[in-house]
Amino acid sequence: MFHYTDEEKGWTVDAVDEPSSLTVGTEWRKVPSMAVIETVAVATDRSQLELPPLQASIEVDALDDLLTGPSVSVIYVSFRYAGTTVTIGSDRSLVVDVQ
């Protein structure tokens, strides 16, 4: 397990490395879509510029609006992106599973 903090970007990462997968959990503090791109880049050990456009996997504006807008309950969204499974919540949780 490793822990990484980047105060400038506003997030921390806790990761568990298992033989066939890597799970990265973090708490996003800025725009949800940017947090997804940054965390997937860390989890896959790739530059953000090497990743495919997030828009090809999910409607980015809708994701940001859904997770940052007013809500009575916690909302979670899961989707596939860049060979990972992303689960992000309105409670500011973000988990990226790499298989």
PDB file of N, CA and C in Angstrom:
ATOM      1  N   MET A   1       0.853  -1.177   0.000  1.00  0.00           N
ATOM      2  CA  MET A   1       0.000   0.000   0.000  1.00  0.00           C
ATOM      3  C   MET A   1       0.896   1.236   0.000  1.00  0.00           C
ATOM      4  N   PHE A   2       0.483   2.258  -0.746  1.00  0.00           N
ATOM      5  CA  PHE A   2       1.215   3.513  -0.703  1.00  0.00           C
ATOM      6  C   PHE A   2       0.244   4.674  -0.557  1.00  0.00           C
ATOM      7  N   HIS A   3       0.771   5.788  -0.062  1.00  0.00           N
ATOM      8  CA  HIS A   3      -0.027   6.993   0.167  1.00  0.00           C
ATOM      9  C   HIS A   3       0.694   8.142  -0.515  1.00  0.00           C
ATOM     10  N   TYR A   4      -0.041   8.942  -1.283  1.00  0.00           N
ATOM     11  CA  TYR A   4       0.534  10.068  -2.012  1.00  0.00           C
ATOM     12  C   TYR A   4      -0.379  11.267  -1.844  1.00  0.00           C
ATOM     13  N   THR A   5       0.209  12.418  -1.523  1.00  0.00           N
ATOM     14  CA  THR A   5      -0.570  13.647  -1.365  1.00  0.00           C
ATOM     15  C   THR A   5      -0.015  14.717  -2.285  1.00  0.00           C
ATOM     16  N   ASP A   6      -0.892  15.396  -2.989  1.00  0.00           N
ATOM     17  CA  ASP A   6      -0.507  16.530  -3.825  1.00  0.00           C
ATOM     18  C   ASP A   6      -1.411  17.690  -3.427  1.00  0.00           C
ATOM     19  N   GLU A   7      -0.932  18.506  -2.499  1.00  0.00           N
ATOM     20  CA  GLU A   7      -1.739  19.618  -1.989  1.00  0.00           C
ATOM     21  C   GLU A   7      -2.059  20.637  -3.078  1.00  0.00           C
ATOM     22  N   GLU A   8      -1.125  20.837  -4.016  1.00  0.00           N
ATOM     23  CA  GLU A   8      -1.348  21.803  -5.094  1.00  0.00           C
ATOM     24  C   GLU A   8      -2.560  21.418  -5.931  1.00  0.00           C
ATOM     25  N   LYS A   9      -2.686  20.117  -6.231  1.00  0.00           N
ATOM     26  CA  LYS A   9      -3.819  19.638  -7.021  1.00  0.00           C
ATOM     27  C   LYS A   9      -5.034  19.371  -6.151  1.00  0.00           C
ATOM     28  N   GLY A  10      -4.828  19.286  -4.834  1.00  0.00           N
ATOM     29  CA  GLY A  10      -5.952  19.135  -3.926  1.00  0.00           C
ATOM     30  C   GLY A  10      -6.451  17.718  -3.757  1.00  0.00           C
ATOM     31  N   TRP A  11      -5.550  16.712  -3.798  1.00  0.00           N
ATOM     32  CA  TRP A  11      -6.014  15.354  -3.591  1.00  0.00           C
ATOM     33  C   TRP A  11      -4.957  14.482  -2.942  1.00  0.00           C
ATOM     34  N   THR A  12      -5.429  13.395  -2.330  1.00  0.00           N
ATOM     35  CA  THR A  12      -4.544  12.386  -1.773  1.00  0.00           C
ATOM     36  C   THR A  12      -4.919  11.054  -2.389  1.00  0.00           C
ATOM     37  N   VAL A  13      -3.959  10.150  -2.459  1.00  0.00           N
ATOM     38  CA  VAL A  13      -4.194   8.835  -3.044  1.00  0.00           C
ATOM     39  C   VAL A  13      -3.714   7.772  -2.075  1.00  0.00           C
ATOM     40  N   ASP A  14      -4.554   6.800  -1.817  1.00  0.00           N
ATOM     41  CA  ASP A  14      -4.171   5.594  -1.097  1.00  0.00           C
ATOM     42  C   ASP A  14      -4.341   4.450  -2.072  1.00  0.00           C
ATOM     43  N   ALA A  15      -3.316   3.633  -2.237  1.00  0.00           N
ATOM     44  CA  ALA A  15      -3.395   2.563  -3.231  1.00  0.00           C
ATOM     45  C   ALA A  15      -3.032   1.224  -2.617  1.00  0.00           C
ATOM     46  N   VAL A  16      -3.712   0.196  -3.083  1.00  0.00           N
ATOM     47  CA  VAL A  16      -3.430  -1.173  -2.706  1.00  0.00           C
ATOM     48  C   VAL A  16      -3.030  -1.903  -3.969  1.00  0.00           C
ATOM     49  N   ASP A  17      -1.844  -2.481  -3.959  1.00  0.00           N
ATOM     50  CA  ASP A  17      -1.332  -3.185  -5.130  1.00  0.00           C
ATOM     51  C   ASP A  17      -1.431  -4.682  -4.879  1.00  0.00           C
ATOM     52  N   GLU A  18      -2.245  -5.366  -5.667  1.00  0.00           N
ATOM     53  CA  GLU A  18      -2.392  -6.810  -5.576  1.00  0.00           C
ATOM     54  C   GLU A  18      -1.832  -7.423  -6.844  1.00  0.00           C
ATOM     55  N   PRO A  19      -1.568  -8.733  -6.865  1.00  0.00           N
ATOM     56  CA  PRO A  19      -0.916  -9.348  -8.022  1.00  0.00           C
ATOM     57  C   PRO A  19      -1.536  -9.034  -9.378  1.00  0.00           C
ATOM     58  N   SER A  20      -2.858  -9.021  -9.488  1.00  0.00           N
ATOM     59  CA  SER A  20      -3.472  -8.833 -10.803  1.00  0.00           C
ATOM     60  C   SER A  20      -4.230  -7.516 -10.940  1.00  0.00           C
ATOM     61  N   SER A  21      -4.202  -6.686  -9.906  1.00  0.00           N
ATOM     62  CA  SER A  21      -4.953  -5.440 -10.001  1.00  0.00           C
ATOM     63  C   SER A  21      -4.350  -4.374  -9.096  1.00  0.00           C
ATOM     64  N   LEU A  22      -4.784  -3.159  -9.317  1.00  0.00           N
ATOM     65  CA  LEU A  22      -4.392  -2.022  -8.489  1.00  0.00           C
ATOM     66  C   LEU A  22      -5.654  -1.223  -8.217  1.00  0.00           C
ATOM     67  N   THR A  23      -5.906  -0.911  -6.963  1.00  0.00           N
ATOM     68  CA  THR A  23      -7.043  -0.086  -6.596  1.00  0.00           C
ATOM     69  C   THR A  23      -6.523   1.202  -5.986  1.00  0.00           C
ATOM     70  N   VAL A  24      -6.944   2.311  -6.543  1.00  0.00           N
ATOM     71  CA  VAL A  24      -6.541   3.621  -6.033  1.00  0.00           C
ATOM     72  C   VAL A  24      -7.782   4.326  -5.513  1.00  0.00           C
ATOM     73  N   GLY A  25      -7.737   4.744  -4.260  1.00  0.00           N
ATOM     74  CA  GLY A  25      -8.840   5.490  -3.669  1.00  0.00           C
ATOM     75  C   GLY A  25      -8.372   6.886  -3.301  1.00  0.00           C
ATOM     76  N   THR A  26      -9.202   7.846  -3.502  1.00  0.00           N
ATOM     77  CA  THR A  26      -8.835   9.229  -3.205  1.00  0.00           C
ATOM     78  C   THR A  26     -10.078  10.019  -2.847  1.00  0.00           C
ATOM     79  N   GLU A  27      -9.888  11.260  -2.474  1.00  0.00           N
ATOM     80  CA  GLU A  27     -10.997  12.174  -2.212  1.00  0.00           C
ATOM     81  C   GLU A  27     -10.784  13.395  -3.091  1.00  0.00           C
ATOM     82  N   TRP A  28     -11.710  13.642  -4.003  1.00  0.00           N
ATOM     83  CA  TRP A  28     -11.540  14.780  -4.908  1.00  0.00           C
ATOM     84  C   TRP A  28     -11.996  16.058  -4.233  1.00  0.00           C
ATOM     85  N   ARG A  29     -11.285  17.149  -4.567  1.00  0.00           N
ATOM     86  CA  ARG A  29     -11.595  18.447  -3.967  1.00  0.00           C
ATOM     87  C   ARG A  29     -11.904  19.504  -5.015  1.00  0.00           C
ATOM     88  N   LYS A  30     -11.606  19.210  -6.261  1.00  0.00           N
ATOM     89  CA  LYS A  30     -11.831  20.184  -7.330  1.00  0.00           C
ATOM     90  C   LYS A  30     -12.939  19.669  -8.240  1.00  0.00           C
ATOM     91  N   VAL A  31     -12.815  19.861  -9.525  1.00  0.00           N
ATOM     92  CA  VAL A  31     -13.808  19.408 -10.495  1.00  0.00           C
ATOM     93  C   VAL A  31     -13.716  17.880 -10.621  1.00  0.00           C
ATOM     94  N   PRO A  32     -14.839  17.159 -10.474  1.00  0.00           N
ATOM     95  CA  PRO A  32     -14.810  15.699 -10.528  1.00  0.00           C
ATOM     96  C   PRO A  32     -14.134  15.131 -11.778  1.00  0.00           C
ATOM     97  N   SER A  33     -14.433  15.666 -12.946  1.00  0.00           N
ATOM     98  CA  SER A  33     -13.851  15.117 -14.178  1.00  0.00           C
ATOM     99  C   SER A  33     -12.333  15.248 -14.190  1.00  0.00           C
ATOM    100  N   MET A  34     -11.799  16.337 -13.675  1.00  0.00           N
ATOM    101  CA  MET A  34     -10.340  16.497 -13.613  1.00  0.00           C
ATOM    102  C   MET A  34      -9.737  15.525 -12.612  1.00  0.00           C
ATOM    103  N   ALA A  35     -10.435  15.287 -11.508  1.00  0.00           N
ATOM    104  CA  ALA A  35      -9.962  14.326 -10.515  1.00  0.00           C
ATOM    105  C   ALA A  35      -9.877  12.928 -11.118  1.00  0.00           C
ATOM    106  N   VAL A  36     -10.850  12.572 -11.957  1.00  0.00           N
ATOM    107  CA  VAL A  36     -10.829  11.266 -12.624  1.00  0.00           C
ATOM    108  C   VAL A  36      -9.588  11.150 -13.501  1.00  0.00           C
ATOM    109  N   ILE A  37      -9.337  12.144 -14.327  1.00  0.00           N
ATOM    110  CA  ILE A  37      -8.190  12.098 -15.238  1.00  0.00           C
ATOM    111  C   ILE A  37      -6.881  12.008 -14.458  1.00  0.00           C
ATOM    112  N   GLU A  38      -6.726  12.833 -13.434  1.00  0.00           N
ATOM    113  CA  GLU A  38      -5.498  12.831 -12.640  1.00  0.00           C
ATOM    114  C   GLU A  38      -5.286  11.497 -11.934  1.00  0.00           C
ATOM    115  N   THR A  39      -6.345  10.944 -11.352  1.00  0.00           N
ATOM    116  CA  THR A  39      -6.225   9.697 -10.600  1.00  0.00           C
ATOM    117  C   THR A  39      -5.992   8.506 -11.515  1.00  0.00           C
ATOM    118  N   VAL A  40      -6.658   8.459 -12.660  1.00  0.00           N
ATOM    119  CA  VAL A  40      -6.419   7.376 -13.623  1.00  0.00           C
ATOM    120  C   VAL A  40      -4.980   7.444 -14.137  1.00  0.00           C
ATOM    121  N   ALA A  41      -4.465   8.633 -14.361  1.00  0.00           N
ATOM    122  CA  ALA A  41      -3.071   8.773 -14.799  1.00  0.00           C
ATOM    123  C   ALA A  41      -2.117   8.198 -13.756  1.00  0.00           C
ATOM    124  N   VAL A  42      -2.347   8.503 -12.479  1.00  0.00           N
ATOM    125  CA  VAL A  42      -1.512   7.956 -11.404  1.00  0.00           C
ATOM    126  C   VAL A  42      -1.655   6.438 -11.346  1.00  0.00           C
ATOM    127  N   ALA A  43      -2.893   5.951 -11.390  1.00  0.00           N
ATOM    128  CA  ALA A  43      -3.154   4.517 -11.257  1.00  0.00           C
ATOM    129  C   ALA A  43      -2.570   3.700 -12.401  1.00  0.00           C
ATOM    130  N   THR A  44      -2.536   4.272 -13.595  1.00  0.00           N
ATOM    131  CA  THR A  44      -2.041   3.534 -14.767  1.00  0.00           C
ATOM    132  C   THR A  44      -0.601   3.892 -15.115  1.00  0.00           C
ATOM    133  N   ASP A  45      -0.006   4.778 -14.313  1.00  0.00           N
ATOM    134  CA  ASP A  45       1.376   5.215 -14.530  1.00  0.00           C
ATOM    135  C   ASP A  45       1.561   5.786 -15.932  1.00  0.00           C
ATOM    136  N   ARG A  46       0.612   6.635 -16.323  1.00  0.00           N
ATOM    137  CA  ARG A  46       0.670   7.299 -17.627  1.00  0.00           C
ATOM    138  C   ARG A  46       0.488   8.796 -17.442  1.00  0.00           C
ATOM    139  N   SER A  47       0.947   9.535 -18.409  1.00  0.00           N
ATOM    140  CA  SER A  47       0.727  10.979 -18.422  1.00  0.00           C
ATOM    141  C   SER A  47      -0.745  11.242 -18.717  1.00  0.00           C
ATOM    142  N   GLN A  48      -1.271  12.338 -18.191  1.00  0.00           N
ATOM    143  CA  GLN A  48      -2.653  12.711 -18.498  1.00  0.00           C
ATOM    144  C   GLN A  48      -2.844  12.891 -19.999  1.00  0.00           C
ATOM    145  N   LEU A  49      -1.806  13.338 -20.684  1.00  0.00           N
ATOM    146  CA  LEU A  49      -1.890  13.548 -22.132  1.00  0.00           C
ATOM    147  C   LEU A  49      -1.944  12.237 -22.917  1.00  0.00           C
ATOM    148  N   GLU A  50      -1.499  11.141 -22.304  1.00  0.00           N
ATOM    149  CA  GLU A  50      -1.542   9.832 -22.960  1.00  0.00           C
ATOM    150  C   GLU A  50      -2.914   9.171 -22.860  1.00  0.00           C
ATOM    151  N   LEU A  51      -3.751   9.664 -21.975  1.00  0.00           N
ATOM    152  CA  LEU A  51      -5.071   9.063 -21.776  1.00  0.00           C
ATOM    153  C   LEU A  51      -6.024   9.490 -22.886  1.00  0.00           C
ATOM    154  N   PRO A  52      -6.990   8.627 -23.212  1.00  0.00           N
ATOM    155  CA  PRO A  52      -7.999   9.025 -24.201  1.00  0.00           C
ATOM    156  C   PRO A  52      -8.886  10.122 -23.612  1.00  0.00           C
ATOM    157  N   PRO A  53      -9.587  10.860 -24.455  1.00  0.00           N
ATOM    158  CA  PRO A  53     -10.489  11.896 -23.938  1.00  0.00           C
ATOM    159  C   PRO A  53     -11.549  11.276 -23.023  1.00  0.00           C
ATOM    160  N   LEU A  54     -11.731  11.855 -21.857  1.00  0.00           N
ATOM    161  CA  LEU A  54     -12.739  11.357 -20.921  1.00  0.00           C
ATOM    162  C   LEU A  54     -14.126  11.423 -21.545  1.00  0.00           C
ATOM    163  N   GLN A  55     -14.357  12.412 -22.374  1.00  0.00           N
ATOM    164  CA  GLN A  55     -15.644  12.608 -23.048  1.00  0.00           C
ATOM    165  C   GLN A  55     -16.059  11.379 -23.866  1.00  0.00           C
ATOM    166  N   ALA A  56     -15.098  10.570 -24.295  1.00  0.00           N
ATOM    167  CA  ALA A  56     -15.414   9.360 -25.061  1.00  0.00           C
ATOM    168  C   ALA A  56     -16.041   8.275 -24.175  1.00  0.00           C
ATOM    169  N   SER A  57     -15.874   8.399 -22.848  1.00  0.00           N
ATOM    170  CA  SER A  57     -16.412   7.402 -21.924  1.00  0.00           C
ATOM    171  C   SER A  57     -17.658   7.862 -21.180  1.00  0.00           C
ATOM    172  N   ILE A  58     -17.749   9.173 -20.944  1.00  0.00           N
ATOM    173  CA  ILE A  58     -18.870   9.699 -20.159  1.00  0.00           C
ATOM    174  C   ILE A  58     -19.068  11.169 -20.513  1.00  0.00           C
ATOM    175  N   GLU A  59     -20.291  11.642 -20.411  1.00  0.00           N
ATOM    176  CA  GLU A  59     -20.587  13.057 -20.662  1.00  0.00           C
ATOM    177  C   GLU A  59     -20.015  13.869 -19.493  1.00  0.00           C
ATOM    178  N   VAL A  60     -18.917  14.562 -19.736  1.00  0.00           N
ATOM    179  CA  VAL A  60     -18.144  15.232 -18.692  1.00  0.00           C
ATOM    180  C   VAL A  60     -18.950  16.313 -17.964  1.00  0.00           C
ATOM    181  N   ASP A  61     -19.625  17.175 -18.693  1.00  0.00           N
ATOM    182  CA  ASP A  61     -20.401  18.243 -18.051  1.00  0.00           C
ATOM    183  C   ASP A  61     -21.511  17.673 -17.171  1.00  0.00           C
ATOM    184  N   ALA A  62     -22.159  16.624 -17.639  1.00  0.00           N
ATOM    185  CA  ALA A  62     -23.224  15.993 -16.852  1.00  0.00           C
ATOM    186  C   ALA A  62     -22.651  15.370 -15.578  1.00  0.00           C
ATOM    187  N   LEU A  63     -21.486  14.727 -15.683  1.00  0.00           N
ATOM    188  CA  LEU A  63     -20.836  14.137 -14.510  1.00  0.00           C
ATOM    189  C   LEU A  63     -20.533  15.217 -13.475  1.00  0.00           C
ATOM    190  N   ASP A  64     -19.903  16.299 -13.912  1.00  0.00           N
ATOM    191  CA  ASP A  64     -19.559  17.389 -12.990  1.00  0.00           C
ATOM    192  C   ASP A  64     -20.804  18.000 -12.362  1.00  0.00           C
ATOM    193  N   ASP A  65     -21.836  18.251 -13.163  1.00  0.00           N
ATOM    194  CA  ASP A  65     -23.076  18.839 -12.643  1.00  0.00           C
ATOM    195  C   ASP A  65     -23.767  17.908 -11.652  1.00  0.00           C
ATOM    196  N   LEU A  66     -23.817  16.626 -11.977  1.00  0.00           N
ATOM    197  CA  LEU A  66     -24.481  15.646 -11.121  1.00  0.00           C
ATOM    198  C   LEU A  66     -23.804  15.549  -9.758  1.00  0.00           C
ATOM    199  N   LEU A  67     -22.477  15.524  -9.756  1.00  0.00           N
ATOM    200  CA  LEU A  67     -21.752  15.298  -8.509  1.00  0.00           C
ATOM    201  C   LEU A  67     -21.527  16.556  -7.678  1.00  0.00           C
ATOM    202  N   THR A  68     -21.660  17.719  -8.273  1.00  0.00           N
ATOM    203  CA  THR A  68     -21.434  18.958  -7.517  1.00  0.00           C
ATOM    204  C   THR A  68     -22.724  19.733  -7.254  1.00  0.00           C
ATOM    205  N   GLY A  69     -23.811  19.299  -7.851  1.00  0.00           N
ATOM    206  CA  GLY A  69     -25.093  19.974  -7.652  1.00  0.00           C
ATOM    207  C   GLY A  69     -25.746  19.568  -6.343  1.00  0.00           C
ATOM    208  N   PRO A  70     -26.827  20.250  -5.982  1.00  0.00           N
ATOM    209  CA  PRO A  70     -27.542  19.917  -4.747  1.00  0.00           C
ATOM    210  C   PRO A  70     -28.167  18.524  -4.843  1.00  0.00           C
ATOM    211  N   SER A  71     -28.091  17.790  -3.746  1.00  0.00           N
ATOM    212  CA  SER A  71     -28.646  16.438  -3.731  1.00  0.00           C
ATOM    213  C   SER A  71     -29.075  16.085  -2.313  1.00  0.00           C
ATOM    214  N   VAL A  72     -30.135  15.307  -2.211  1.00  0.00           N
ATOM    215  CA  VAL A  72     -30.630  14.863  -0.917  1.00  0.00           C
ATOM    216  C   VAL A  72     -29.820  13.671  -0.419  1.00  0.00           C
ATOM    217  N   SER A  73     -29.331  12.848  -1.336  1.00  0.00           N
ATOM    218  CA  SER A  73     -28.568  11.667  -0.947  1.00  0.00           C
ATOM    219  C   SER A  73     -27.267  11.592  -1.745  1.00  0.00           C
ATOM    220  N   VAL A  74     -26.395  10.686  -1.328  1.00  0.00           N
ATOM    221  CA  VAL A  74     -25.113  10.498  -2.006  1.00  0.00           C
ATOM    222  C   VAL A  74     -25.346   9.770  -3.326  1.00  0.00           C
ATOM    223  N   ILE A  75     -24.707  10.253  -4.368  1.00  0.00           N
ATOM    224  CA  ILE A  75     -24.826   9.669  -5.704  1.00  0.00           C
ATOM    225  C   ILE A  75     -23.481   9.075  -6.085  1.00  0.00           C
ATOM    226  N   TYR A  76     -23.489   7.849  -6.627  1.00  0.00           N
ATOM    227  CA  TYR A  76     -22.273   7.217  -7.132  1.00  0.00           C
ATOM    228  C   TYR A  76     -22.445   6.940  -8.615  1.00  0.00           C
ATOM    229  N   VAL A  77     -21.381   7.148  -9.375  1.00  0.00           N
ATOM    230  CA  VAL A  77     -21.374   6.865 -10.807  1.00  0.00           C
ATOM    231  C   VAL A  77     -20.181   5.963 -11.085  1.00  0.00           C
ATOM    232  N   SER A  78     -20.417   4.853 -11.784  1.00  0.00           N
ATOM    233  CA  SER A  78     -19.335   3.946 -12.186  1.00  0.00           C
ATOM    234  C   SER A  78     -19.297   3.851 -13.697  1.00  0.00           C
ATOM    235  N   PHE A  79     -18.089   3.825 -14.245  1.00  0.00           N
ATOM    236  CA  PHE A  79     -17.923   3.711 -15.693  1.00  0.00           C
ATOM    237  C   PHE A  79     -16.518   3.220 -16.007  1.00  0.00           C
ATOM    238  N   ARG A  80     -16.334   2.746 -17.228  1.00  0.00           N
ATOM    239  CA  ARG A  80     -15.022   2.284 -17.706  1.00  0.00           C
ATOM    240  C   ARG A  80     -14.316   3.445 -18.391  1.00  0.00           C
ATOM    241  N   TYR A  81     -13.002   3.570 -18.112  1.00  0.00           N
ATOM    242  CA  TYR A  81     -12.206   4.621 -18.739  1.00  0.00           C
ATOM    243  C   TYR A  81     -10.743   4.195 -18.774  1.00  0.00           C
ATOM    244  N   ALA A  82     -10.163   4.201 -19.946  1.00  0.00           N
ATOM    245  CA  ALA A  82      -8.733   3.938 -20.145  1.00  0.00           C
ATOM    246  C   ALA A  82      -8.281   2.628 -19.503  1.00  0.00           C
ATOM    247  N   GLY A  83      -9.086   1.587 -19.659  1.00  0.00           N
ATOM    248  CA  GLY A  83      -8.728   0.276 -19.125  1.00  0.00           C
ATOM    249  C   GLY A  83      -8.936   0.138 -17.626  1.00  0.00           C
ATOM    250  N   THR A  84      -9.684   1.053 -17.028  1.00  0.00           N
ATOM    251  CA  THR A  84      -9.956   1.009 -15.594  1.00  0.00           C
ATOM    252  C   THR A  84     -11.462   1.073 -15.354  1.00  0.00           C
ATOM    253  N   THR A  85     -11.855   0.741 -14.137  1.00  0.00           N
ATOM    254  CA  THR A  85     -13.223   0.973 -13.696  1.00  0.00           C
ATOM    255  C   THR A  85     -13.179   2.100 -12.676  1.00  0.00           C
ATOM    256  N   VAL A  86     -13.914   3.160 -12.948  1.00  0.00           N
ATOM    257  CA  VAL A  86     -13.935   4.349 -12.101  1.00  0.00           C
ATOM    258  C   VAL A  86     -15.265   4.400 -11.360  1.00  0.00           C
ATOM    259  N   THR A  87     -15.214   4.627 -10.058  1.00  0.00           N
ATOM    260  CA  THR A  87     -16.415   4.879  -9.270  1.00  0.00           C
ATOM    261  C   THR A  87     -16.184   6.183  -8.521  1.00  0.00           C
ATOM    262  N   ILE A  88     -17.044   7.159  -8.775  1.00  0.00           N
ATOM    263  CA  ILE A  88     -16.901   8.479  -8.167  1.00  0.00           C
ATOM    264  C   ILE A  88     -18.221   8.862  -7.529  1.00  0.00           C
ATOM    265  N   GLY A  89     -18.148   9.514  -6.354  1.00  0.00           N
ATOM    266  CA  GLY A  89     -19.367   9.838  -5.631  1.00  0.00           C
ATOM    267  C   GLY A  89     -19.486  11.297  -5.262  1.00  0.00           C
ATOM    268  N   SER A  90     -20.713  11.710  -5.015  1.00  0.00           N
ATOM    269  CA  SER A  90     -20.960  13.088  -4.593  1.00  0.00           C
ATOM    270  C   SER A  90     -20.444  13.332  -3.176  1.00  0.00           C
ATOM    271  N   ASP A  91     -20.047  12.262  -2.472  1.00  0.00           N
ATOM    272  CA  ASP A  91     -19.421  12.395  -1.155  1.00  0.00           C
ATOM    273  C   ASP A  91     -17.921  12.655  -1.286  1.00  0.00           C
ATOM    274  N   ARG A  92     -17.478  12.926  -2.519  1.00  0.00           N
ATOM    275  CA  ARG A  92     -16.095  13.241  -2.880  1.00  0.00           C
ATOM    276  C   ARG A  92     -15.179  12.021  -2.909  1.00  0.00           C
ATOM    277  N   SER A  93     -15.754  10.825  -2.886  1.00  0.00           N
ATOM    278  CA  SER A  93     -14.941   9.615  -2.991  1.00  0.00           C
ATOM    279  C   SER A  93     -14.646   9.319  -4.456  1.00  0.00           C
ATOM    280  N   LEU A  94     -13.501   8.712  -4.695  1.00  0.00           N
ATOM    281  CA  LEU A  94     -13.097   8.326  -6.050  1.00  0.00           C
ATOM    282  C   LEU A  94     -12.244   7.080  -5.950  1.00  0.00           C
ATOM    283  N   VAL A  95     -12.670   6.006  -6.609  1.00  0.00           N
ATOM    284  CA  VAL A  95     -11.926   4.750  -6.621  1.00  0.00           C
ATOM    285  C   VAL A  95     -11.683   4.361  -8.063  1.00  0.00           C
ATOM    286  N   VAL A  96     -10.432   4.017  -8.372  1.00  0.00           N
ATOM    287  CA  VAL A  96     -10.053   3.563  -9.707  1.00  0.00           C
ATOM    288  C   VAL A  96      -9.480   2.164  -9.567  1.00  0.00           C
ATOM    289  N   ASP A  97     -10.089   1.193 -10.249  1.00  0.00           N
ATOM    290  CA  ASP A  97      -9.605  -0.190 -10.259  1.00  0.00           C
ATOM    291  C   ASP A  97      -8.944  -0.467 -11.595  1.00  0.00           C
ATOM    292  N   VAL A  98      -7.693  -0.910 -11.536  1.00  0.00           N
ATOM    293  CA  VAL A  98      -6.941  -1.270 -12.733  1.00  0.00           C
ATOM    294  C   VAL A  98      -6.803  -2.782 -12.745  1.00  0.00           C
ATOM    295  N   GLN A  99      -7.211  -3.403 -13.834  1.00  0.00           N
ATOM    296  CA  GLN A  99      -7.092  -4.870 -13.945  1.00  0.00           C
ATOM    297  C   GLN A  99      -5.933  -5.251 -14.819  1.00  0.00           C
TER     298      GLN A  99
END
